[in-house]
Every structure is written in C-alpha cells, then in structure tokens.
Amino acid sequence: MLSVLMLSLLLPVTDVVDARMTALTQQGDPPVKLWISRDRVQLGDRVQVDVRTEADGYLLVLHAEPDGRVRVLFPIDPIHDNFVRGGDEFEVRGRGDRETFRVYASEGVGTVYAAFSRDPFQFEEYVRGDHWDYGARDVWYVVEDPEPEITDLVLSLASGAYFDYDFVQYGVGDAVVAARRQSSLT
C-alpha cells in the first residue's frame, strides 16, 4: 500500500485511482461494496440501495441523478450518525423509511456512490441548520463524468482522511449502464 501512496504524489488523480484499484483487487474483499435493486429503471421507479463495509467506520452515500444533481442518501441529514458496523449488509433507507430514492428522470444514466472511511467525514461546510445545504457550492451538480466529480466532493468532505469507495450506475429508459468501480483515495 505504501507504493500506492507514493504514486499519489507523482501521478494525476486518474492514474492514482487506477493504481489503487489494482492494489485493492489484489487485497481480496473490498472495504466497501454497494448494490442497487436494479440496473435499469423507468420514471417513477423506486430503487433500494444496500452497502456492506468490511470494518467499522463512517459511511457516506451520494446519488447523482441523470440530470446531474447530486444528493446525499446517507446520512439523510448531516446531524444523523453515519457510523456503521462492519461485516453486515446495511440497507440505506429514504425519508419516511421508504426505499432509498425514486427515479425522477425519463432517460439517462444515474450514479450511486458509497464512500467509507475509518475517520469521520467533515460536513460543516455543506450544512444549513440541520439539513444539507445544496445551494452552498457548485459541487452538488456533476457535468460530465460523475466518478471524478463526486470523488472531488468526497475528498473535500474527508478533509485529507483516507477513504474507499464504490459506485454503480443505472440506466433510465433506453440508457445503457456504464460502469462499476471500487477504489481508495487519501
């Protein structure tokens, strides 16, 4: 792992992600794994998200809708505890104890991203009152490739702490599901 950390000082972020992905797959089970109930959906469908972490730590689950808007799925509000126990599958529930989210687009590709750290994430910059402040910064909107853009957001929330992540994409309508990757970043 030390060689991967050394690479992070020498390579651009995308190369670091690729190097860490290689190191991660050589280690066995990933530190965080994410599932969604379906990879193809239609407007109005409800989607369930499940996550498993290998160790105790802090979980952050984000959703980039097909239109680019990013919302936090877990914790629902930043005042809620996002500490999870490792080893068990965790069902992410939406408000009112419903499925995790509902599909509001008629076409496109959405992304669900789970970040896991043994250190707490720092939410203060993104909070208004007891809720997420989606108007605080432009980071709540992805323009092109959701993975690096959401990773940049999580990097700011991790405040330099090491974290692992997994993401899945789903297609709405005729959209083709694009990718799934697990990785780690500091």
Protein backbone atom coordinates (compact mmCIF):
# COMPACT_ATOMS: atom_id res chain seq x y z
CA MET A 1 0.00 0.00 0.00
CA LEU A 2 2.95 2.31 0.62
CA SER A 3 3.83 2.20 -3.08
CA VAL A 4 0.28 3.28 -3.94
CA LEU A 5 0.57 6.21 -1.55
CA MET A 6 3.90 7.21 -3.09
CA LEU A 7 2.30 7.10 -6.54
CA SER A 8 -0.31 9.59 -5.37
CA LEU A 9 2.42 12.19 -5.06
CA LEU A 10 3.69 11.61 -8.59
CA LEU A 11 0.67 10.84 -10.75
CA PRO A 12 -2.51 12.69 -11.72
CA VAL A 13 -5.64 11.65 -9.78
CA THR A 14 -6.94 9.33 -12.54
CA ASP A 15 -3.66 7.39 -12.57
CA VAL A 16 -3.74 7.19 -8.77
CA VAL A 17 -7.29 5.78 -8.90
CA ASP A 18 -6.16 3.14 -11.42
CA ALA A 19 -3.10 2.22 -9.31
CA ARG A 20 -5.17 1.96 -6.14
CA MET A 21 -7.81 -0.08 -7.95
CA THR A 22 -5.11 -2.59 -8.88
CA ALA A 23 -3.83 -2.69 -5.28
CA LEU A 24 -7.38 -3.06 -3.95
CA THR A 25 -8.26 -6.01 -6.19
CA GLN A 26 -5.09 -7.79 -5.09
CA GLN A 27 -6.11 -7.50 -1.41
CA GLY A 28 -9.33 -9.55 -1.57
CA ASP A 29 -12.72 -8.31 -0.41
CA PRO A 30 -13.24 -4.57 -0.91
CA PRO A 31 -13.58 -2.31 2.14
CA VAL A 32 -16.96 -1.08 0.85
CA LYS A 33 -19.39 -2.69 -1.59
CA LEU A 34 -22.56 -1.13 -2.96
CA TRP A 35 -25.65 -2.74 -4.54
CA ILE A 36 -28.77 -1.24 -6.08
CA SER A 37 -32.01 -3.16 -6.56
CA ARG A 38 -31.92 -2.79 -10.35
CA ASP A 39 -29.61 -1.50 -13.05
CA ARG A 40 -32.37 -0.42 -15.45
CA VAL A 41 -35.31 1.68 -14.30
CA GLN A 42 -38.14 3.84 -15.57
CA LEU A 43 -39.53 7.19 -14.47
CA GLY A 44 -41.22 6.79 -11.08
CA ASP A 45 -39.48 3.56 -10.07
CA ARG A 46 -38.21 3.24 -6.51
CA VAL A 47 -34.67 1.99 -6.04
CA GLN A 48 -33.22 0.30 -2.96
CA VAL A 49 -29.53 0.74 -2.08
CA ASP A 50 -27.54 -1.66 0.11
CA VAL A 51 -23.97 -1.28 1.34
CA ARG A 52 -21.53 -3.56 3.16
CA THR A 53 -18.32 -2.43 4.80
CA GLU A 54 -15.59 -4.78 5.95
CA ALA A 55 -14.83 -2.76 9.10
CA ASP A 56 -16.48 -0.29 11.47
CA GLY A 57 -16.32 3.27 10.21
CA TYR A 58 -18.19 6.15 8.60
CA LEU A 59 -20.35 5.87 5.52
CA LEU A 60 -21.46 8.48 3.03
CA VAL A 61 -23.79 7.55 0.14
CA LEU A 62 -24.40 10.02 -2.70
CA HIS A 63 -26.70 9.91 -5.71
CA ALA A 64 -26.06 11.76 -8.97
CA GLU A 65 -29.34 11.84 -10.84
CA PRO A 66 -29.29 11.56 -14.64
CA ASP A 67 -29.71 15.36 -14.89
CA GLY A 68 -26.51 15.83 -12.84
CA ARG A 69 -27.99 16.87 -9.49
CA VAL A 70 -26.18 15.27 -6.55
CA ARG A 71 -27.99 14.44 -3.32
CA VAL A 72 -26.88 12.73 -0.12
CA LEU A 73 -28.71 9.46 0.51
CA PHE A 74 -26.91 8.62 3.76
CA PRO A 75 -26.93 10.14 6.23
CA ILE A 76 -30.30 11.64 5.28
CA ASP A 77 -29.42 14.76 7.26
CA PRO A 78 -25.90 15.72 8.34
CA ILE A 79 -26.91 15.70 12.01
CA HIS A 80 -27.62 11.94 11.82
CA ASP A 81 -24.94 9.48 12.83
CA ASN A 82 -23.19 7.94 9.83
CA PHE A 83 -21.16 5.38 11.80
CA VAL A 84 -21.74 1.80 10.60
CA ARG A 85 -20.64 -1.60 11.86
CA GLY A 86 -18.51 -3.64 9.52
CA GLY A 87 -19.29 -7.08 8.18
CA ASP A 88 -23.04 -6.70 7.78
CA GLU A 89 -25.08 -5.55 4.82
CA PHE A 90 -26.66 -2.16 5.53
CA GLU A 91 -29.91 -1.08 3.87
CA VAL A 92 -29.97 2.64 3.09
CA ARG A 93 -33.48 3.89 3.77
CA GLY A 94 -35.04 7.08 2.45
CA ARG A 95 -37.15 9.62 4.31
CA GLY A 96 -40.18 8.10 5.97
CA ASP A 97 -38.39 4.72 5.98
CA ARG A 98 -39.08 4.29 2.25
CA GLU A 99 -36.85 2.88 -0.47
CA THR A 100 -33.63 4.82 -0.87
CA PHE A 101 -34.71 7.02 -3.80
CA ARG A 102 -37.25 7.46 -6.56
CA VAL A 103 -36.34 7.97 -10.23
CA TYR A 104 -37.35 11.43 -11.47
CA ALA A 105 -35.80 11.26 -14.95
CA SER A 106 -37.23 9.66 -18.06
CA GLU A 107 -33.83 8.91 -19.62
CA GLY A 108 -30.12 8.99 -18.90
CA VAL A 109 -27.63 7.38 -16.55
CA GLY A 110 -27.61 7.87 -12.78
CA THR A 111 -24.81 7.10 -10.33
CA VAL A 112 -24.88 5.89 -6.74
CA TYR A 113 -21.57 6.34 -4.88
CA ALA A 114 -20.65 5.00 -1.43
CA ALA A 115 -17.59 6.34 0.42
CA PHE A 116 -16.25 4.68 3.55
CA SER A 117 -13.64 5.99 5.99
CA ARG A 118 -12.46 4.94 9.42
CA ASP A 119 -12.32 8.69 10.21
CA PRO A 120 -15.44 10.89 10.38
CA PHE A 121 -16.32 12.99 7.35
CA GLN A 122 -16.47 16.76 7.91
CA PHE A 123 -19.91 18.04 6.89
CA GLU A 124 -19.86 21.56 8.40
CA GLU A 125 -19.19 23.38 5.11
CA TYR A 126 -22.23 21.74 3.49
CA VAL A 127 -24.84 22.23 6.21
CA ARG A 128 -27.59 24.80 6.75
CA GLY A 129 -29.43 24.33 10.00
CA ASP A 130 -29.89 20.59 10.42
CA HIS A 131 -30.03 19.80 6.69
CA TRP A 132 -27.74 19.51 3.69
CA ASP A 133 -27.15 22.88 2.04
CA TYR A 134 -27.39 22.04 -1.65
CA GLY A 135 -27.06 25.71 -2.57
CA ALA A 136 -23.74 26.14 -0.77
CA ARG A 137 -21.47 25.21 -3.68
CA ASP A 138 -21.47 24.07 -7.29
CA VAL A 139 -20.25 20.65 -6.14
CA TRP A 140 -23.84 19.40 -5.90
CA TYR A 141 -24.01 19.12 -9.66
CA VAL A 142 -21.97 16.89 -11.98
CA VAL A 143 -21.40 17.97 -15.54
CA GLU A 144 -19.54 15.19 -17.30
CA ASP A 145 -18.14 12.09 -15.62
CA PRO A 146 -19.78 11.55 -12.20
CA GLU A 147 -16.98 9.41 -10.67
CA PRO A 148 -14.18 12.02 -10.56
CA GLU A 149 -16.57 14.87 -9.81
CA ILE A 150 -18.20 13.06 -6.87
CA THR A 151 -14.76 11.90 -5.74
CA ASP A 152 -13.66 15.55 -5.60
CA LEU A 153 -16.66 16.32 -3.38
CA VAL A 154 -15.87 13.38 -1.07
CA LEU A 155 -12.21 14.44 -0.94
CA SER A 156 -13.33 17.79 0.47
CA LEU A 157 -15.61 16.04 2.99
CA ALA A 158 -12.85 13.64 4.03
CA SER A 159 -10.52 16.56 4.88
CA GLY A 160 -7.41 14.59 3.98
CA ALA A 161 -8.50 11.32 5.59
CA TYR A 162 -8.15 8.03 3.68
CA PHE A 163 -11.36 6.65 2.21
CA ASP A 164 -12.51 3.81 0.00
CA TYR A 165 -15.41 3.99 -2.41
CA ASP A 166 -17.61 2.00 -4.71
CA PHE A 167 -20.06 3.24 -7.28
CA VAL A 168 -22.68 1.79 -9.58
CA GLN A 169 -24.52 3.33 -12.46
CA TYR A 170 -28.03 2.59 -13.64
CA GLY A 171 -29.83 3.30 -16.90
CA VAL A 172 -33.18 5.06 -17.16
CA GLY A 173 -35.29 4.16 -20.17
CA ASP A 174 -33.05 3.10 -23.04
CA ALA A 175 -29.83 4.41 -21.45
CA VAL A 176 -27.02 1.88 -21.19
CA VAL A 177 -25.46 1.22 -17.80
CA ALA A 178 -21.89 2.46 -17.99
CA ALA A 179 -19.60 1.34 -15.18
CA ARG A 180 -18.83 -0.04 -11.76
CA ARG A 181 -15.58 0.51 -9.92
CA GLN A 182 -14.16 0.26 -6.42
CA SER A 183 -11.21 2.31 -5.30
CA SER A 184 -9.45 4.09 -2.45
CA LEU A 185 -8.20 7.65 -2.04
CA THR A 186 -6.43 9.73 0.52
